PDB file of N, CA and C in Angstrom:
ATOM      1  N   MET A   1      11.092  17.615  49.274  1.00  0.00           N
ATOM      2  CA  MET A   1      12.305  17.611  48.480  1.00  0.00           C
ATOM      3  C   MET A   1      13.126  18.868  48.775  1.00  0.00           C
ATOM      4  N   ARG A   2      12.436  19.954  49.085  1.00  0.00           N
ATOM      5  CA  ARG A   2      13.177  21.176  49.428  1.00  0.00           C
ATOM      6  C   ARG A   2      13.949  20.989  50.726  1.00  0.00           C
ATOM      7  N   ILE A   3      13.364  20.289  51.677  1.00  0.00           N
ATOM      8  CA  ILE A   3      14.061  20.034  52.940  1.00  0.00           C
ATOM      9  C   ILE A   3      15.301  19.187  52.667  1.00  0.00           C
ATOM     10  N   ALA A   4      15.163  18.163  51.831  1.00  0.00           N
ATOM     11  CA  ALA A   4      16.313  17.330  51.480  1.00  0.00           C
ATOM     12  C   ALA A   4      17.406  18.174  50.827  1.00  0.00           C
ATOM     13  N   GLU A   5      17.028  19.081  49.938  1.00  0.00           N
ATOM     14  CA  GLU A   5      18.016  19.962  49.304  1.00  0.00           C
ATOM     15  C   GLU A   5      18.718  20.833  50.340  1.00  0.00           C
ATOM     16  N   ASN A   6      17.966  21.322  51.323  1.00  0.00           N
ATOM     17  CA  ASN A   6      18.563  22.169  52.356  1.00  0.00           C
ATOM     18  C   ASN A   6      19.534  21.407  53.245  1.00  0.00           C
ATOM     19  N   LEU A   7      19.377  20.092  53.336  1.00  0.00           N
ATOM     20  CA  LEU A   7      20.215  19.291  54.226  1.00  0.00           C
ATOM     21  C   LEU A   7      21.385  18.603  53.511  1.00  0.00           C
ATOM     22  N   LEU A   8      21.582  18.889  52.239  1.00  0.00           N
ATOM     23  CA  LEU A   8      22.677  18.255  51.498  1.00  0.00           C
ATOM     24  C   LEU A   8      24.044  18.554  52.100  1.00  0.00           C
ATOM     25  N   ASP A   9      24.218  19.728  52.670  1.00  0.00           N
ATOM     26  CA  ASP A   9      25.519  20.126  53.209  1.00  0.00           C
ATOM     27  C   ASP A   9      25.663  19.860  54.700  1.00  0.00           C
ATOM     28  N   ASP A  10      24.659  19.248  55.313  1.00  0.00           N
ATOM     29  CA  ASP A  10      24.728  18.972  56.748  1.00  0.00           C
ATOM     30  C   ASP A  10      25.894  18.023  57.035  1.00  0.00           C
ATOM     31  N   LYS A  11      26.539  18.224  58.153  1.00  0.00           N
ATOM     32  CA  LYS A  11      27.730  17.437  58.500  1.00  0.00           C
ATOM     33  C   LYS A  11      27.421  16.182  59.319  1.00  0.00           C
ATOM     34  N   GLU A  12      26.206  16.058  59.827  1.00  0.00           N
ATOM     35  CA  GLU A  12      25.848  14.943  60.706  1.00  0.00           C
ATOM     36  C   GLU A  12      25.454  13.699  59.915  1.00  0.00           C
ATOM     37  N   ASP A  13      26.104  12.582  60.219  1.00  0.00           N
ATOM     38  CA  ASP A  13      25.820  11.323  59.549  1.00  0.00           C
ATOM     39  C   ASP A  13      24.371  10.873  59.789  1.00  0.00           C
ATOM     40  N   LEU A  14      23.840  11.113  60.981  1.00  0.00           N
ATOM     41  CA  LEU A  14      22.462  10.706  61.262  1.00  0.00           C
ATOM     42  C   LEU A  14      21.462  11.482  60.399  1.00  0.00           C
ATOM     43  N   ILE A  15      21.780  12.712  60.073  1.00  0.00           N
ATOM     44  CA  ILE A  15      20.928  13.489  59.163  1.00  0.00           C
ATOM     45  C   ILE A  15      21.000  12.880  57.767  1.00  0.00           C
ATOM     46  N   HIS A  16      22.188  12.476  57.340  1.00  0.00           N
ATOM     47  CA  HIS A  16      22.349  11.833  56.035  1.00  0.00           C
ATOM     48  C   HIS A  16      21.496  10.573  55.964  1.00  0.00           C
ATOM     49  N   LYS A  17      21.523   9.777  57.028  1.00  0.00           N
ATOM     50  CA  LYS A  17      20.726   8.553  57.058  1.00  0.00           C
ATOM     51  C   LYS A  17      19.237   8.865  57.005  1.00  0.00           C
ATOM     52  N   ALA A  18      18.803   9.841  57.799  1.00  0.00           N
ATOM     53  CA  ALA A  18      17.382  10.186  57.857  1.00  0.00           C
ATOM     54  C   ALA A  18      16.881  10.719  56.514  1.00  0.00           C
ATOM     55  N   VAL A  19      17.659  11.569  55.877  1.00  0.00           N
ATOM     56  CA  VAL A  19      17.245  12.121  54.578  1.00  0.00           C
ATOM     57  C   VAL A  19      17.266  11.020  53.518  1.00  0.00           C
ATOM     58  N   GLY A  20      18.277  10.171  53.551  1.00  0.00           N
ATOM     59  CA  GLY A  20      18.337   9.049  52.604  1.00  0.00           C
ATOM     60  C   GLY A  20      17.150   8.120  52.752  1.00  0.00           C
ATOM     61  N   TRP A  21      16.771   7.830  53.993  1.00  0.00           N
ATOM     62  CA  TRP A  21      15.609   6.995  54.258  1.00  0.00           C
ATOM     63  C   TRP A  21      14.353   7.664  53.710  1.00  0.00           C
ATOM     64  N   THR A  22      14.229   8.962  53.938  1.00  0.00           N
ATOM     65  CA  THR A  22      13.064   9.707  53.446  1.00  0.00           C
ATOM     66  C   THR A  22      13.018   9.693  51.923  1.00  0.00           C
ATOM     67  N   LEU A  23      14.153   9.876  51.286  1.00  0.00           N
ATOM     68  CA  LEU A  23      14.201   9.827  49.826  1.00  0.00           C
ATOM     69  C   LEU A  23      13.786   8.447  49.317  1.00  0.00           C
ATOM     70  N   ARG A  24      14.242   7.397  49.983  1.00  0.00           N
ATOM     71  CA  ARG A  24      13.851   6.040  49.604  1.00  0.00           C
ATOM     72  C   ARG A  24      12.334   5.874  49.685  1.00  0.00           C
ATOM     73  N   GLU A  25      11.724   6.416  50.735  1.00  0.00           N
ATOM     74  CA  GLU A  25      10.276   6.330  50.898  1.00  0.00           C
ATOM     75  C   GLU A  25       9.545   7.121  49.809  1.00  0.00           C
ATOM     76  N   VAL A  26      10.093   8.263  49.430  1.00  0.00           N
ATOM     77  CA  VAL A  26       9.510   9.038  48.326  1.00  0.00           C
ATOM     78  C   VAL A  26       9.547   8.194  47.049  1.00  0.00           C
ATOM     79  N   GLY A  27      10.662   7.506  46.840  1.00  0.00           N
ATOM     80  CA  GLY A  27      10.806   6.664  45.659  1.00  0.00           C
ATOM     81  C   GLY A  27       9.818   5.520  45.606  1.00  0.00           C
ATOM     82  N   LYS A  28       9.377   5.030  46.759  1.00  0.00           N
ATOM     83  CA  LYS A  28       8.366   3.970  46.795  1.00  0.00           C
ATOM     84  C   LYS A  28       7.037   4.482  46.255  1.00  0.00           C
ATOM     85  N   ARG A  29       6.732   5.728  46.546  1.00  0.00           N
ATOM     86  CA  ARG A  29       5.449   6.311  46.130  1.00  0.00           C
ATOM     87  C   ARG A  29       5.504   6.909  44.726  1.00  0.00           C
ATOM     88  N   ASP A  30       6.644   7.518  44.400  1.00  0.00           N
ATOM     89  CA  ASP A  30       6.771   8.161  43.091  1.00  0.00           C
ATOM     90  C   ASP A  30       8.227   8.093  42.626  1.00  0.00           C
ATOM     91  N   PRO A  31       8.595   6.995  41.995  1.00  0.00           N
ATOM     92  CA  PRO A  31       9.995   6.825  41.562  1.00  0.00           C
ATOM     93  C   PRO A  31      10.513   7.951  40.681  1.00  0.00           C
ATOM     94  N   ALA A  32       9.654   8.552  39.887  1.00  0.00           N
ATOM     95  CA  ALA A  32      10.083   9.624  38.987  1.00  0.00           C
ATOM     96  C   ALA A  32      10.559  10.843  39.763  1.00  0.00           C
ATOM     97  N   VAL A  33       9.917  11.141  40.871  1.00  0.00           N
ATOM     98  CA  VAL A  33      10.323  12.278  41.697  1.00  0.00           C
ATOM     99  C   VAL A  33      11.715  12.020  42.275  1.00  0.00           C
ATOM    100  N   LEU A  34      11.946  10.814  42.773  1.00  0.00           N
ATOM    101  CA  LEU A  34      13.264  10.482  43.325  1.00  0.00           C
ATOM    102  C   LEU A  34      14.329  10.521  42.231  1.00  0.00           C
ATOM    103  N   GLU A  35      14.046   9.957  41.083  1.00  0.00           N
ATOM    104  CA  GLU A  35      15.026   9.960  39.994  1.00  0.00           C
ATOM    105  C   GLU A  35      15.360  11.376  39.547  1.00  0.00           C
ATOM    106  N   LYS A  36      14.369  12.230  39.479  1.00  0.00           N
ATOM    107  CA  LYS A  36      14.619  13.621  39.108  1.00  0.00           C
ATOM    108  C   LYS A  36      15.530  14.299  40.133  1.00  0.00           C
ATOM    109  N   PHE A  37      15.265  14.056  41.413  1.00  0.00           N
ATOM    110  CA  PHE A  37      16.097  14.609  42.485  1.00  0.00           C
ATOM    111  C   PHE A  37      17.525  14.079  42.377  1.00  0.00           C
ATOM    112  N   LEU A  38      17.663  12.773  42.180  1.00  0.00           N
ATOM    113  CA  LEU A  38      18.996  12.171  42.094  1.00  0.00           C
ATOM    114  C   LEU A  38      19.748  12.639  40.854  1.00  0.00           C
ATOM    115  N   ASP A  39      19.044  12.796  39.748  1.00  0.00           N
ATOM    116  CA  ASP A  39      19.701  13.287  38.533  1.00  0.00           C
ATOM    117  C   ASP A  39      20.304  14.670  38.760  1.00  0.00           C
ATOM    118  N   ARG A  40      19.619  15.469  39.558  1.00  0.00           N
ATOM    119  CA  ARG A  40      20.095  16.828  39.845  1.00  0.00           C
ATOM    120  C   ARG A  40      21.196  16.857  40.899  1.00  0.00           C
ATOM    121  N   HIS A  41      21.121  15.965  41.883  1.00  0.00           N
ATOM    122  CA  HIS A  41      21.977  16.113  43.061  1.00  0.00           C
ATOM    123  C   HIS A  41      22.908  14.938  43.359  1.00  0.00           C
ATOM    124  N   CYS A  42      22.895  13.873  42.589  1.00  0.00           N
ATOM    125  CA  CYS A  42      23.654  12.679  42.982  1.00  0.00           C
ATOM    126  C   CYS A  42      25.150  12.942  43.125  1.00  0.00           C
ATOM    127  N   ARG A  43      25.674  13.909  42.413  1.00  0.00           N
ATOM    128  CA  ARG A  43      27.114  14.179  42.495  1.00  0.00           C
ATOM    129  C   ARG A  43      27.521  14.873  43.792  1.00  0.00           C
ATOM    130  N   VAL A  44      26.570  15.482  44.487  1.00  0.00           N
ATOM    131  CA  VAL A  44      26.898  16.199  45.724  1.00  0.00           C
ATOM    132  C   VAL A  44      26.268  15.573  46.962  1.00  0.00           C
ATOM    133  N   LEU A  45      25.437  14.545  46.792  1.00  0.00           N
ATOM    134  CA  LEU A  45      24.832  13.883  47.944  1.00  0.00           C
ATOM    135  C   LEU A  45      25.907  13.194  48.771  1.00  0.00           C
ATOM    136  N   PRO A  46      25.818  13.331  50.087  1.00  0.00           N
ATOM    137  CA  PRO A  46      26.730  12.533  50.926  1.00  0.00           C
ATOM    138  C   PRO A  46      26.514  11.049  50.613  1.00  0.00           C
ATOM    139  N   ARG A  47      27.568  10.283  50.655  1.00  0.00           N
ATOM    140  CA  ARG A  47      27.522   8.871  50.234  1.00  0.00           C
ATOM    141  C   ARG A  47      26.468   8.072  51.007  1.00  0.00           C
ATOM    142  N   THR A  48      26.367   8.299  52.313  1.00  0.00           N
ATOM    143  CA  THR A  48      25.389   7.581  53.128  1.00  0.00           C
ATOM    144  C   THR A  48      23.975   7.894  52.649  1.00  0.00           C
ATOM    145  N   MET A  49      23.698   9.152  52.393  1.00  0.00           N
ATOM    146  CA  MET A  49      22.379   9.578  51.930  1.00  0.00           C
ATOM    147  C   MET A  49      22.056   8.921  50.592  1.00  0.00           C
ATOM    148  N   LEU A  50      23.020   8.909  49.694  1.00  0.00           N
ATOM    149  CA  LEU A  50      22.817   8.327  48.376  1.00  0.00           C
ATOM    150  C   LEU A  50      22.549   6.832  48.471  1.00  0.00           C
ATOM    151  N   ARG A  51      23.315   6.137  49.279  1.00  0.00           N
ATOM    152  CA  ARG A  51      23.131   4.684  49.420  1.00  0.00           C
ATOM    153  C   ARG A  51      21.759   4.336  49.979  1.00  0.00           C
ATOM    154  N   TYR A  52      21.309   5.072  50.968  1.00  0.00           N
ATOM    155  CA  TYR A  52      19.972   4.828  51.508  1.00  0.00           C
ATOM    156  C   TYR A  52      18.911   5.112  50.451  1.00  0.00           C
ATOM    157  N   ALA A  53      19.056   6.185  49.714  1.00  0.00           N
ATOM    158  CA  ALA A  53      18.066   6.557  48.700  1.00  0.00           C
ATOM    159  C   ALA A  53      17.982   5.512  47.588  1.00  0.00           C
ATOM    160  N   LEU A  54      19.096   4.866  47.288  1.00  0.00           N
ATOM    161  CA  LEU A  54      19.161   3.901  46.196  1.00  0.00           C
ATOM    162  C   LEU A  54      18.809   2.483  46.603  1.00  0.00           C
ATOM    163  N   ASP A  55      18.451   2.279  47.832  1.00  0.00           N
ATOM    164  CA  ASP A  55      18.257   0.945  48.397  1.00  0.00           C
ATOM    165  C   ASP A  55      17.321   0.057  47.576  1.00  0.00           C
ATOM    166  N   ARG A  56      16.296   0.595  46.985  1.00  0.00           N
ATOM    167  CA  ARG A  56      15.299  -0.201  46.268  1.00  0.00           C
ATOM    168  C   ARG A  56      15.494  -0.178  44.750  1.00  0.00           C
ATOM    169  N   PHE A  57      16.561   0.431  44.278  1.00  0.00           N
ATOM    170  CA  PHE A  57      16.820   0.494  42.840  1.00  0.00           C
ATOM    171  C   PHE A  57      17.405  -0.837  42.361  1.00  0.00           C
ATOM    172  N   ALA A  58      17.200  -1.113  41.091  1.00  0.00           N
ATOM    173  CA  ALA A  58      17.845  -2.272  40.469  1.00  0.00           C
ATOM    174  C   ALA A  58      19.360  -2.046  40.467  1.00  0.00           C
ATOM    175  N   GLU A  59      20.105  -3.136  40.497  1.00  0.00           N
ATOM    176  CA  GLU A  59      21.569  -3.067  40.608  1.00  0.00           C
ATOM    177  C   GLU A  59      22.205  -2.172  39.534  1.00  0.00           C
ATOM    178  N   LYS A  60      21.785  -2.328  38.307  1.00  0.00           N
ATOM    179  CA  LYS A  60      22.368  -1.546  37.211  1.00  0.00           C
ATOM    180  C   LYS A  60      22.113  -0.050  37.401  1.00  0.00           C
ATOM    181  N   GLN A  61      20.890   0.302  37.782  1.00  0.00           N
ATOM    182  CA  GLN A  61      20.546   1.710  37.985  1.00  0.00           C
ATOM    183  C   GLN A  61      21.283   2.270  39.206  1.00  0.00           C
ATOM    184  N   ARG A  62      21.372   1.474  40.273  1.00  0.00           N
ATOM    185  CA  ARG A  62      22.078   1.900  41.483  1.00  0.00           C
ATOM    186  C   ARG A  62      23.547   2.172  41.160  1.00  0.00           C
ATOM    187  N   LEU A  63      24.181   1.273  40.433  1.00  0.00           N
ATOM    188  CA  LEU A  63      25.586   1.481  40.072  1.00  0.00           C
ATOM    189  C   LEU A  63      25.777   2.703  39.198  1.00  0.00           C
ATOM    190  N   GLY A  64      24.825   2.973  38.334  1.00  0.00           N
ATOM    191  CA  GLY A  64      24.903   4.171  37.493  1.00  0.00           C
ATOM    192  C   GLY A  64      24.993   5.440  38.325  1.00  0.00           C
ATOM    193  N   TYR A  65      24.199   5.519  39.381  1.00  0.00           N
ATOM    194  CA  TYR A  65      24.251   6.692  40.256  1.00  0.00           C
ATOM    195  C   TYR A  65      25.503   6.699  41.124  1.00  0.00           C
ATOM    196  N   LEU A  66      25.902   5.524  41.609  1.00  0.00           N
ATOM    197  CA  LEU A  66      27.074   5.462  42.497  1.00  0.00           C
ATOM    198  C   LEU A  66      28.381   5.770  41.771  1.00  0.00           C
ATOM    199  N   GLN A  67      28.410   5.526  40.478  1.00  0.00           N
ATOM    200  CA  GLN A  67      29.646   5.732  39.716  1.00  0.00           C
ATOM    201  C   GLN A  67      29.740   7.117  39.080  1.00  0.00           C
ATOM    202  N   GLN A  68      28.792   7.983  39.377  1.00  0.00           N
ATOM    203  CA  GLN A  68      28.861   9.363  38.877  1.00  0.00           C
ATOM    204  C   GLN A  68      30.074  10.057  39.489  1.00  0.00           C
ATOM    205  N   PRO A  69      30.814  10.809  38.695  1.00  0.00           N
ATOM    206  CA  PRO A  69      31.939  11.553  39.270  1.00  0.00           C
ATOM    207  C   PRO A  69      31.449  12.648  40.217  1.00  0.00           C
ATOM    208  N   SER A  70      32.229  12.897  41.239  1.00  0.00           N
ATOM    209  CA  SER A  70      31.863  13.933  42.233  1.00  0.00           C
ATOM    210  C   SER A  70      32.108  15.315  41.701  1.00  0.00           C
TER     211      SER A  70
END
């Protein structure tokens, strides 16, 4: 999770995809850890990273994170 935090400001789209994929995988093993991370950082996550991380969330929960103001 610290690596993901360090890469929040990265400018490369492929990094956003890779971190988002990794976050999604973390959520498969421990959804609470992913939710805690998203609660803290969803407003500053690059959109691609956020969408990948939310891939397995229920529609209502996914929309809740996507509609957070930046």
